[in-house]
């Protein structure tokens, strides 16, 4: 029996460039795209893991969160 692979939904990802898992997130995004999955990646320069949880009032984080909301709105 052939392996049936379900279609994956579009993905929106974000990371800071000093995030512990930065390389893995970039690789995951690349692999999604190679598999034909629309994937948007937002990279925040100088940001660590979970920056949006404690620096939500910083302009660059506000832009990232706005991008996420805009992307989600376009998907719905």
C-alpha atoms as a PDB file:
ATOM      1  CA  UNK A   1       0.000   0.000   0.000  1.00  0.00           C
ATOM      2  CA  UNK A   2       1.455   3.436  -0.912  1.00  0.00           C
ATOM      3  CA  UNK A   3       2.190   5.865   1.859  1.00  0.00           C
ATOM      4  CA  UNK A   4      -0.443   8.607   1.952  1.00  0.00           C
ATOM      5  CA  UNK A   5       0.938  11.927   3.080  1.00  0.00           C
ATOM      6  CA  UNK A   6      -1.615  14.479   4.222  1.00  0.00           C
ATOM      7  CA  UNK A   7      -1.255  17.960   2.817  1.00  0.00           C
ATOM      8  CA  UNK A   8       0.272  20.341   5.313  1.00  0.00           C
ATOM      9  CA  UNK A   9      -1.297  23.749   5.936  1.00  0.00           C
ATOM     10  CA  UNK A  10       0.588  26.995   5.313  1.00  0.00           C
ATOM     11  CA  UNK A  11       2.976  27.945   8.099  1.00  0.00           C
ATOM     12  CA  UNK A  12       4.123  31.193   9.673  1.00  0.00           C
ATOM     13  CA  UNK A  13       7.261  31.019  11.808  1.00  0.00           C
ATOM     14  CA  UNK A  14       9.339  33.558  13.652  1.00  0.00           C
ATOM     15  CA  UNK A  15      12.705  33.498  15.335  1.00  0.00           C
ATOM     16  CA  UNK A  16      15.371  35.763  16.624  1.00  0.00           C
ATOM     17  CA  UNK A  17      18.802  35.392  15.096  1.00  0.00           C
ATOM     18  CA  UNK A  18      20.258  34.595  18.521  1.00  0.00           C
ATOM     19  CA  UNK A  19      17.519  32.079  19.345  1.00  0.00           C
ATOM     20  CA  UNK A  20      18.939  28.794  20.598  1.00  0.00           C
ATOM     21  CA  UNK A  21      17.043  26.904  17.872  1.00  0.00           C
ATOM     22  CA  UNK A  22      17.599  29.469  15.082  1.00  0.00           C
ATOM     23  CA  UNK A  23      19.277  27.030  12.682  1.00  0.00           C
ATOM     24  CA  UNK A  24      16.617  24.378  13.282  1.00  0.00           C
ATOM     25  CA  UNK A  25      13.787  26.842  12.645  1.00  0.00           C
ATOM     26  CA  UNK A  26      15.415  28.022   9.424  1.00  0.00           C
ATOM     27  CA  UNK A  27      15.974  24.415   8.331  1.00  0.00           C
ATOM     28  CA  UNK A  28      12.381  23.471   9.146  1.00  0.00           C
ATOM     29  CA  UNK A  29      11.132  26.431   7.092  1.00  0.00           C
ATOM     30  CA  UNK A  30      13.379  25.436   4.192  1.00  0.00           C
ATOM     31  CA  UNK A  31      12.126  21.849   4.289  1.00  0.00           C
ATOM     32  CA  UNK A  32       8.500  22.945   4.377  1.00  0.00           C
ATOM     33  CA  UNK A  33       9.059  25.120   1.325  1.00  0.00           C
ATOM     34  CA  UNK A  34      10.856  22.320  -0.502  1.00  0.00           C
ATOM     35  CA  UNK A  35       7.842  20.101   0.197  1.00  0.00           C
ATOM     36  CA  UNK A  36       5.606  22.698  -1.450  1.00  0.00           C
ATOM     37  CA  UNK A  37       4.183  24.103   1.776  1.00  0.00           C
ATOM     38  CA  UNK A  38       3.817  27.881   1.799  1.00  0.00           C
ATOM     39  CA  UNK A  39       5.971  28.979   4.736  1.00  0.00           C
ATOM     40  CA  UNK A  40       6.760  32.505   5.882  1.00  0.00           C
ATOM     41  CA  UNK A  41       9.685  33.082   8.214  1.00  0.00           C
ATOM     42  CA  UNK A  42      10.174  36.296  10.183  1.00  0.00           C
ATOM     43  CA  UNK A  43      13.663  36.794  11.647  1.00  0.00           C
ATOM     44  CA  UNK A  44      14.255  39.441  14.297  1.00  0.00           C
ATOM     45  CA  UNK A  45      17.871  40.584  14.429  1.00  0.00           C
ATOM     46  CA  UNK A  46      19.377  40.373  17.902  1.00  0.00           C
ATOM     47  CA  UNK A  47      16.353  38.682  19.460  1.00  0.00           C
ATOM     48  CA  UNK A  48      16.504  35.646  21.766  1.00  0.00           C
ATOM     49  CA  UNK A  49      13.910  32.932  22.343  1.00  0.00           C
ATOM     50  CA  UNK A  50      10.381  34.127  23.238  1.00  0.00           C
ATOM     51  CA  UNK A  51      11.225  37.809  22.833  1.00  0.00           C
ATOM     52  CA  UNK A  52       7.567  38.547  22.049  1.00  0.00           C
ATOM     53  CA  UNK A  53       6.574  37.474  25.576  1.00  0.00           C
ATOM     54  CA  UNK A  54       8.703  40.011  27.443  1.00  0.00           C
ATOM     55  CA  UNK A  55       9.535  42.731  24.892  1.00  0.00           C
ATOM     56  CA  UNK A  56       6.108  43.053  23.299  1.00  0.00           C
ATOM     57  CA  UNK A  57       6.271  46.867  23.447  1.00  0.00           C
ATOM     58  CA  UNK A  58       9.479  47.086  21.345  1.00  0.00           C
ATOM     59  CA  UNK A  59       8.840  48.313  17.783  1.00  0.00           C
ATOM     60  CA  UNK A  60      10.502  45.384  16.010  1.00  0.00           C
ATOM     61  CA  UNK A  61       8.451  42.922  18.063  1.00  0.00           C
ATOM     62  CA  UNK A  62       5.284  44.914  17.412  1.00  0.00           C
ATOM     63  CA  UNK A  63       6.004  44.656  13.662  1.00  0.00           C
ATOM     64  CA  UNK A  64       6.580  40.907  13.949  1.00  0.00           C
ATOM     65  CA  UNK A  65       3.304  40.405  15.833  1.00  0.00           C
ATOM     66  CA  UNK A  66       1.457  42.592  13.313  1.00  0.00           C
ATOM     67  CA  UNK A  67       2.912  40.471  10.517  1.00  0.00           C
ATOM     68  CA  UNK A  68       1.663  37.328  12.260  1.00  0.00           C
ATOM     69  CA  UNK A  69      -1.846  38.770  12.638  1.00  0.00           C
ATOM     70  CA  UNK A  70      -1.887  39.948   9.024  1.00  0.00           C
ATOM     71  CA  UNK A  71      -0.710  36.534   7.776  1.00  0.00           C
ATOM     72  CA  UNK A  72      -3.320  34.709   9.868  1.00  0.00           C
ATOM     73  CA  UNK A  73      -6.060  37.055   8.710  1.00  0.00           C
ATOM     74  CA  UNK A  74      -5.127  36.348   5.092  1.00  0.00           C
ATOM     75  CA  UNK A  75      -5.342  32.609   5.752  1.00  0.00           C
ATOM     76  CA  UNK A  76      -8.835  32.814   7.230  1.00  0.00           C
END
